[in-house]
Amino acid sequence: MESIELRELAERIGGRLEGSSNPLICGVAGIREAQTGEITFLAHARYLNYLDGTAASALICRPDLKTSLPTIRMDDPHLGFLRSIELFCEPKQNYFAEGIDASARVHETATLKKGVRVGPGAIIGEGCVVGEHTIVGSGVVVMPKVKIGSRCLLYPNVVVREECQIGDRVILHAGAIIGSDGFGYAKQAGSYHKVPQIGRVIIEDDVEIGANSCVDRATVGRTVIGTGTKIDNLVQIAHNVTIGRHTVISAQTGISGSTSVGNDVMMAGQVGVVGHISIGDDVRIGAQSGISKDIPEGEQWFGYPARNSREARRLLVHYNRLERYAEEISDLKRRIQELEKSKSAASTTNS
């Protein structure tokens, strides 16, 4: 889209235009970077001072904030801003050529449905099914008997191992690996023997998995990523893990085998989770937390080892006072020693 009147933009993103001014909008930008002809957004009163220096031609804002710019009012300005970006950005499919590239290798038994695009050097194996309007980027490897839904986007160098299943509208970023072997070994006579990993991975609809993240196949059975879940870059999901719907997992998090994660969970970056535990629905976990036991639904945990946020904050207060506590203990020891010396001297004098 090259440009649009502000009034039409308000209608298309579900907002209400305030005032009669109707500038032409040609792009979207942050409040500090925006230039003439662009629209920006303001979600909190603490950023009102940025309005004095912005060159934006219009603003998406909450109903209760006073502004001097032509304004689209919305209860959720951030959502309106995202919808505006969608209107102006180049559709991702435009970066991928239509049809099947001559250098791609598609097995004769694979089924590619209407509108599928396959990039240079991609490989689609025996018995695979790829749904309508799915994009398979350059260098992607889809091994035998994989099922991929419609309108998915597999960026370059993704690997989907044998017999895995991917739902509709799934996005796999560059370097993601779906269905790698789980980390299973049995020790016998001083050496490790590989446990065959014969399960698979099921990724449900509307999931997004970041660059260089790995989802291991189950030893037996399934590793499952639930509908609408979003996984950041460099995340490790081990064998037989089950992740619920609409959960968000940030970068460098690792979840060990056979752990169950509920719906609407939020994990910040670098969280480590041991295996064979359960994390309930609506749980919030702070960055760099070490999770070693079950977490009931609705709780907030952080720390290493992680605890309920109330207990963790209380312990953190004491941790921050350790230097003072050490000084007080040293002072008490010194005073006790002085008292003992005084008692010893008094005892000698009396004798």
Protein backbone atom coordinates (compact mmCIF):
# COMPACT_ATOMS: atom_id res chain seq x y z
CA MET A 1 0.00 0.00 0.00
CA GLU A 2 1.43 3.37 -1.02
CA SER A 3 -0.84 5.74 0.94
CA ILE A 4 -4.23 5.94 2.61
CA GLU A 5 -6.38 8.69 4.13
CA LEU A 6 -6.39 8.70 7.92
CA ARG A 7 -10.19 8.30 7.99
CA GLU A 8 -10.00 5.09 5.96
CA LEU A 9 -7.09 3.82 8.04
CA ALA A 10 -9.17 4.32 11.21
CA GLU A 11 -11.98 2.24 9.73
CA ARG A 12 -9.66 -0.55 8.63
CA ILE A 13 -7.94 -0.95 12.00
CA GLY A 14 -11.14 -0.61 14.04
CA GLY A 15 -10.49 2.83 15.59
CA ARG A 16 -12.34 6.14 15.82
CA LEU A 17 -10.97 9.24 14.11
CA GLU A 18 -11.08 12.32 16.30
CA GLY A 19 -11.58 15.71 14.62
CA SER A 20 -11.95 16.69 10.98
CA SER A 21 -8.28 16.55 9.95
CA ASN A 22 -7.71 13.77 7.41
CA PRO A 23 -4.03 13.64 6.37
CA LEU A 24 -2.65 11.16 3.87
CA ILE A 25 -0.68 8.37 5.58
CA CYS A 26 2.08 6.58 3.69
CA GLY A 27 3.82 4.60 6.42
CA VAL A 28 4.22 3.55 10.04
CA ALA A 29 7.03 4.32 12.52
CA GLY A 30 7.90 4.61 16.20
CA ILE A 31 7.13 7.90 17.90
CA ARG A 32 10.78 9.06 17.96
CA GLU A 33 11.57 7.96 14.39
CA ALA A 34 8.35 8.94 12.61
CA GLN A 35 8.47 11.46 9.74
CA THR A 36 5.86 13.54 7.93
CA GLY A 37 3.25 11.28 6.34
CA GLU A 38 3.73 8.48 8.88
CA ILE A 39 1.49 7.38 11.75
CA THR A 40 2.76 6.33 15.17
CA PHE A 41 1.15 5.24 18.46
CA LEU A 42 1.06 6.19 22.12
CA ALA A 43 -0.07 3.64 24.70
CA HIS A 44 0.91 5.25 28.02
CA ALA A 45 0.89 8.74 29.53
CA ARG A 46 4.56 8.52 30.51
CA TYR A 47 5.49 8.88 26.83
CA LEU A 48 3.45 12.04 26.24
CA ASN A 49 6.60 14.16 26.25
CA TYR A 50 7.74 12.39 23.07
CA LEU A 51 4.91 14.12 21.21
CA ASP A 52 6.77 17.44 21.40
CA GLY A 53 9.59 16.09 19.24
CA THR A 54 7.76 13.77 16.85
CA ALA A 55 7.32 14.61 13.17
CA ALA A 56 4.51 12.10 12.74
CA SER A 57 1.40 13.26 10.87
CA ALA A 58 -1.02 11.23 13.02
CA LEU A 59 -1.27 9.15 16.16
CA ILE A 60 -3.03 6.05 17.43
CA CYS A 61 -3.85 6.67 21.08
CA ARG A 62 -5.98 5.67 24.05
CA PRO A 63 -9.28 7.54 24.47
CA ASP A 64 -8.22 9.24 27.72
CA LEU A 65 -4.93 10.85 26.60
CA LYS A 66 -4.89 14.43 25.33
CA THR A 67 -2.98 14.99 22.09
CA SER A 68 -2.48 17.76 19.54
CA LEU A 69 -2.01 15.52 16.49
CA PRO A 70 -4.79 14.06 14.32
CA THR A 71 -5.66 11.00 16.36
CA ILE A 72 -7.24 7.57 15.97
CA ARG A 73 -8.68 6.55 19.33
CA MET A 74 -8.50 2.88 20.39
CA ASP A 75 -8.67 1.05 23.71
CA ASP A 76 -5.61 -0.94 22.60
CA PRO A 77 -3.33 1.42 20.61
CA HIS A 78 -0.64 -1.22 20.30
CA LEU A 79 -3.05 -3.55 18.50
CA GLY A 80 -4.04 -0.69 16.18
CA PHE A 81 -0.38 -0.02 15.45
CA LEU A 82 0.21 -3.69 14.58
CA ARG A 83 -2.80 -3.68 12.25
CA SER A 84 -1.41 -0.56 10.57
CA ILE A 85 1.94 -2.25 10.03
CA GLU A 86 0.15 -5.18 8.39
CA LEU A 87 -1.51 -2.78 5.95
CA PHE A 88 1.73 -1.12 4.88
CA CYS A 89 4.27 -3.94 4.99
CA GLU A 90 5.23 -6.07 2.01
CA PRO A 91 3.49 -9.49 2.18
CA LYS A 92 6.05 -12.18 3.02
CA GLN A 93 5.02 -14.39 0.12
CA ASN A 94 6.18 -11.70 -2.31
CA TYR A 95 9.78 -12.57 -1.37
CA PHE A 96 9.36 -16.13 -2.66
CA ALA A 97 8.96 -16.98 -6.34
CA GLU A 98 5.82 -18.77 -7.42
CA GLY A 99 5.94 -22.43 -8.36
CA ILE A 100 8.66 -25.00 -7.79
CA ASP A 101 12.25 -23.97 -8.45
CA ALA A 102 14.07 -26.10 -11.01
CA SER A 103 16.80 -26.96 -8.47
CA ALA A 104 14.34 -28.26 -5.86
CA ARG A 105 13.89 -32.02 -5.42
CA VAL A 106 10.32 -33.15 -4.83
CA HIS A 107 9.74 -36.90 -4.54
CA GLU A 108 7.33 -38.33 -7.07
CA THR A 109 5.07 -39.63 -4.28
CA ALA A 110 4.84 -36.27 -2.50
CA THR A 111 1.58 -34.31 -2.77
CA LEU A 112 1.85 -30.54 -3.20
CA LYS A 113 -1.51 -28.81 -3.18
CA LYS A 114 -2.64 -25.62 -4.91
CA GLY A 115 -0.35 -22.58 -4.69
CA VAL A 116 2.61 -24.26 -2.96
CA ARG A 117 5.96 -22.50 -3.54
CA VAL A 118 9.25 -24.40 -3.27
CA GLY A 119 12.54 -22.51 -3.28
CA PRO A 120 15.99 -23.31 -4.71
CA GLY A 121 17.65 -26.44 -3.35
CA ALA A 122 14.71 -27.48 -1.18
CA ILE A 123 14.01 -31.19 -0.70
CA ILE A 124 10.57 -32.71 -0.11
CA GLY A 125 10.68 -36.42 0.63
CA GLU A 126 8.68 -39.51 -0.10
CA GLY A 127 5.01 -39.50 0.85
CA CYS A 128 4.93 -35.91 2.10
CA VAL A 129 1.80 -33.78 1.90
CA VAL A 130 2.11 -29.98 1.70
CA GLY A 131 -1.07 -27.91 2.06
CA GLU A 132 -2.39 -25.07 -0.08
CA HIS A 133 -0.36 -21.87 -0.42
CA THR A 134 2.41 -23.10 1.85
CA ILE A 135 5.90 -21.71 1.17
CA VAL A 136 8.96 -23.97 1.44
CA GLY A 137 12.05 -21.74 1.36
CA SER A 138 15.45 -22.39 -0.18
CA GLY A 139 17.48 -25.19 1.37
CA VAL A 140 14.58 -26.55 3.42
CA VAL A 141 14.64 -30.32 3.98
CA VAL A 142 11.33 -32.09 4.54
CA MET A 143 11.98 -35.77 5.20
CA PRO A 144 9.61 -38.63 4.30
CA LYS A 145 5.98 -38.90 5.45
CA VAL A 146 5.72 -35.34 6.80
CA LYS A 147 2.36 -33.57 6.71
CA ILE A 148 2.35 -29.78 6.47
CA GLY A 149 -0.86 -27.75 6.56
CA SER A 150 -2.00 -24.79 4.48
CA ARG A 151 -0.53 -21.26 4.40
CA CYS A 152 2.58 -22.23 6.34
CA LEU A 153 5.91 -20.47 5.87
CA LEU A 154 9.17 -22.40 6.20
CA TYR A 155 12.11 -20.01 5.94
CA PRO A 156 15.46 -21.11 4.43
CA ASN A 157 17.33 -24.06 5.96
CA VAL A 158 14.51 -25.37 8.10
CA VAL A 159 14.59 -29.15 8.65
CA VAL A 160 11.46 -31.18 9.32
CA ARG A 161 12.30 -34.77 10.14
CA GLU A 162 10.37 -37.87 9.13
CA GLU A 163 6.72 -38.42 10.08
CA CYS A 164 6.26 -35.08 11.85
CA GLN A 165 3.01 -33.18 11.46
CA ILE A 166 2.60 -29.41 11.11
CA GLY A 167 -0.76 -27.62 11.23
CA ASP A 168 -2.08 -24.62 9.32
CA ARG A 169 -0.51 -21.13 9.28
CA VAL A 170 2.65 -22.27 11.05
CA ILE A 171 5.82 -20.18 10.69
CA LEU A 172 9.23 -21.84 11.08
CA HIS A 173 12.15 -19.41 10.99
CA ALA A 174 15.55 -20.08 9.46
CA GLY A 175 17.48 -22.97 10.95
CA ALA A 176 14.62 -24.37 13.05
CA ILE A 177 14.74 -28.15 13.37
CA ILE A 178 11.55 -30.10 13.98
CA GLY A 179 11.81 -33.74 14.98
CA SER A 180 15.49 -34.09 15.81
CA ASP A 181 16.32 -37.09 18.00
CA GLY A 182 15.63 -36.79 21.70
CA PHE A 183 18.60 -36.97 24.07
CA GLY A 184 18.15 -40.58 25.17
CA TYR A 185 20.97 -42.93 26.19
CA ALA A 186 21.32 -45.97 28.44
CA LYS A 187 24.61 -46.65 30.21
CA GLN A 188 25.85 -50.21 30.17
CA ALA A 189 29.30 -51.59 30.93
CA GLY A 190 30.73 -48.09 31.18
CA SER A 191 29.50 -46.81 27.82
CA TYR A 192 26.37 -45.07 26.54
CA HIS A 193 24.01 -46.75 24.13
CA LYS A 194 21.55 -44.72 22.06
CA VAL A 195 17.87 -45.25 22.81
CA PRO A 196 16.00 -45.25 19.47
CA GLN A 197 13.77 -42.19 19.13
CA ILE A 198 10.75 -43.51 17.21
CA GLY A 199 8.08 -40.94 18.15
CA ARG A 200 7.21 -37.76 16.29
CA VAL A 201 6.42 -34.06 16.71
CA ILE A 202 2.99 -32.53 16.26
CA ILE A 203 2.81 -28.77 15.81
CA GLU A 204 -0.75 -27.46 15.89
CA ASP A 205 -2.21 -24.44 14.04
CA ASP A 206 -0.88 -20.86 14.22
CA VAL A 207 2.39 -21.75 15.94
CA GLU A 208 5.56 -19.72 15.30
CA ILE A 209 9.02 -21.10 16.07
CA GLY A 210 12.11 -18.89 16.00
CA ALA A 211 15.46 -19.23 14.28
CA ASN A 212 17.73 -22.11 15.32
CA SER A 213 15.23 -23.53 17.78
CA CYS A 214 14.88 -27.30 18.14
CA VAL A 215 11.84 -29.43 18.94
CA ASP A 216 12.87 -33.03 19.57
CA ARG A 217 10.78 -36.00 18.53
CA ALA A 218 9.34 -38.22 21.24
CA THR A 219 11.14 -41.39 22.28
CA VAL A 220 7.78 -43.03 21.73
CA GLY A 221 4.51 -41.18 21.30
CA ARG A 222 4.44 -37.44 20.59
CA THR A 223 6.04 -34.11 21.39
CA VAL A 224 3.25 -31.53 21.05
CA ILE A 225 3.28 -27.74 20.54
CA GLY A 226 -0.24 -26.40 21.07
CA THR A 227 -2.29 -24.02 18.94
CA GLY A 228 -1.16 -20.40 18.88
CA THR A 229 2.03 -20.95 20.86
CA LYS A 230 4.99 -18.68 20.03
CA ILE A 231 8.58 -19.85 20.56
CA ASP A 232 11.55 -17.48 20.29
CA ASN A 233 15.01 -18.08 18.79
CA LEU A 234 17.47 -20.59 20.30
CA VAL A 235 14.93 -22.53 22.34
CA GLN A 236 15.29 -26.26 23.10
CA ILE A 237 12.16 -28.39 23.50
CA ALA A 238 13.09 -31.94 24.49
CA HIS A 239 11.45 -35.28 23.74
CA ASN A 240 7.87 -35.98 24.87
CA VAL A 241 7.30 -32.40 26.06
CA THR A 242 3.73 -31.13 25.78
CA ILE A 243 3.15 -27.38 25.48
CA GLY A 244 -0.39 -26.03 25.66
CA ARG A 245 -2.22 -23.36 23.68
CA HIS A 246 -1.13 -19.72 23.33
CA THR A 247 1.99 -20.10 25.44
CA VAL A 248 4.98 -17.76 24.88
CA ILE A 249 8.57 -18.97 25.37
CA SER A 250 11.48 -16.52 25.10
CA ALA A 251 14.99 -17.04 23.76
CA GLN A 252 17.53 -19.49 25.21
CA THR A 253 14.96 -21.36 27.26
CA GLY A 254 15.37 -25.12 27.62
CA ILE A 255 12.59 -27.54 28.58
CA SER A 256 13.68 -31.05 29.51
CA GLY A 257 11.98 -34.26 28.50
CA SER A 258 8.45 -35.37 29.40
CA THR A 259 7.52 -32.03 30.98
CA SER A 260 4.00 -30.66 30.56
CA VAL A 261 3.49 -26.90 30.09
CA GLY A 262 -0.05 -25.53 30.27
CA ASN A 263 -2.04 -22.98 28.30
CA ASP A 264 -1.28 -19.24 28.31
CA VAL A 265 2.06 -19.68 30.08
CA MET A 266 4.75 -16.99 29.72
CA MET A 267 8.44 -17.90 30.08
CA ALA A 268 11.04 -15.14 29.94
CA GLY A 269 14.53 -15.64 28.51
CA GLN A 270 17.01 -18.29 29.66
CA VAL A 271 14.57 -20.28 31.76
CA GLY A 272 15.69 -23.83 32.50
CA VAL A 273 13.10 -26.52 33.23
CA VAL A 274 13.89 -30.03 34.53
CA GLY A 275 12.14 -33.06 33.12
CA HIS A 276 9.01 -34.91 34.21
CA ILE A 277 7.26 -31.97 35.91
CA SER A 278 4.04 -30.07 35.26
CA ILE A 279 3.58 -26.31 34.83
CA GLY A 280 -0.04 -25.20 35.14
CA ASP A 281 -2.10 -22.81 33.02
CA ASP A 282 -1.53 -19.03 33.22
CA VAL A 283 1.86 -19.36 34.95
CA ARG A 284 4.44 -16.54 34.62
CA ILE A 285 8.16 -17.37 34.94
CA GLY A 286 10.88 -14.71 35.22
CA ALA A 287 14.12 -14.60 33.25
CA GLN A 288 16.97 -17.02 34.13
CA SER A 289 14.77 -19.01 36.48
CA GLY A 290 15.56 -22.64 37.25
CA ILE A 291 12.36 -24.69 37.51
CA SER A 292 12.85 -27.92 39.46
CA LYS A 293 9.31 -28.85 40.56
CA ASP A 294 5.65 -28.55 39.61
CA ILE A 295 4.09 -25.09 39.45
CA PRO A 296 0.35 -24.76 40.18
CA GLU A 297 -1.76 -22.80 37.72
CA GLY A 298 -1.90 -19.02 37.90
CA GLU A 299 1.29 -18.54 39.93
CA GLN A 300 4.31 -16.31 39.27
CA TRP A 301 7.77 -17.77 39.86
CA PHE A 302 11.34 -16.57 39.44
CA GLY A 303 14.84 -17.15 40.79
CA TYR A 304 17.41 -19.92 40.87
CA PRO A 305 16.17 -22.23 42.15
CA ALA A 306 12.80 -20.71 41.26
CA ARG A 307 10.19 -20.05 43.93
CA ASN A 308 6.81 -18.42 44.18
CA SER A 309 7.35 -14.71 43.58
CA ARG A 310 6.35 -13.74 47.14
CA GLU A 311 8.94 -16.04 48.69
CA ALA A 312 11.53 -15.17 46.03
CA ARG A 313 11.18 -11.43 46.71
CA ARG A 314 11.51 -11.96 50.45
CA LEU A 315 14.69 -13.98 49.97
CA LEU A 316 16.03 -11.42 47.52
CA VAL A 317 15.70 -8.71 50.15
CA HIS A 318 17.86 -10.77 52.51
CA TYR A 319 20.34 -11.58 49.74
CA ASN A 320 20.85 -7.88 49.06
CA ARG A 321 21.58 -7.35 52.75
CA LEU A 322 24.22 -10.12 53.02
CA GLU A 323 27.17 -7.72 53.11
CA ARG A 324 25.57 -5.77 55.96
CA TYR A 325 24.72 -9.01 57.78
CA ALA A 326 28.35 -10.15 57.43
CA GLU A 327 29.61 -6.87 58.90
CA GLU A 328 27.16 -7.15 61.81
CA ILE A 329 28.21 -10.74 62.49
CA SER A 330 31.90 -9.77 62.47
CA ASP A 331 31.13 -6.95 64.88
CA LEU A 332 29.21 -9.30 67.19
CA LYS A 333 32.08 -11.81 67.13
CA ARG A 334 34.54 -9.07 68.03
CA ARG A 335 32.37 -7.88 70.93
CA ILE A 336 31.94 -11.45 72.22
CA GLN A 337 35.70 -11.95 72.13
CA GLU A 338 36.20 -8.73 74.08
CA LEU A 339 33.63 -9.83 76.68
CA GLU A 340 35.32 -13.21 77.04
CA LYS A 341 38.70 -11.50 77.52
CA SER A 342 37.18 -9.21 80.19
CA LYS A 343 35.67 -12.19 82.00
CA SER A 344 38.97 -14.05 81.86
CA ALA A 345 40.87 -11.05 83.22
CA ALA A 346 38.32 -10.57 86.02
CA SER A 347 38.53 -14.23 86.96
CA THR A 348 42.34 -14.05 87.15
CA THR A 349 42.22 -10.91 89.35
CA ASN A 350 39.71 -12.47 91.80
CA SER A 351 41.82 -15.58 92.15
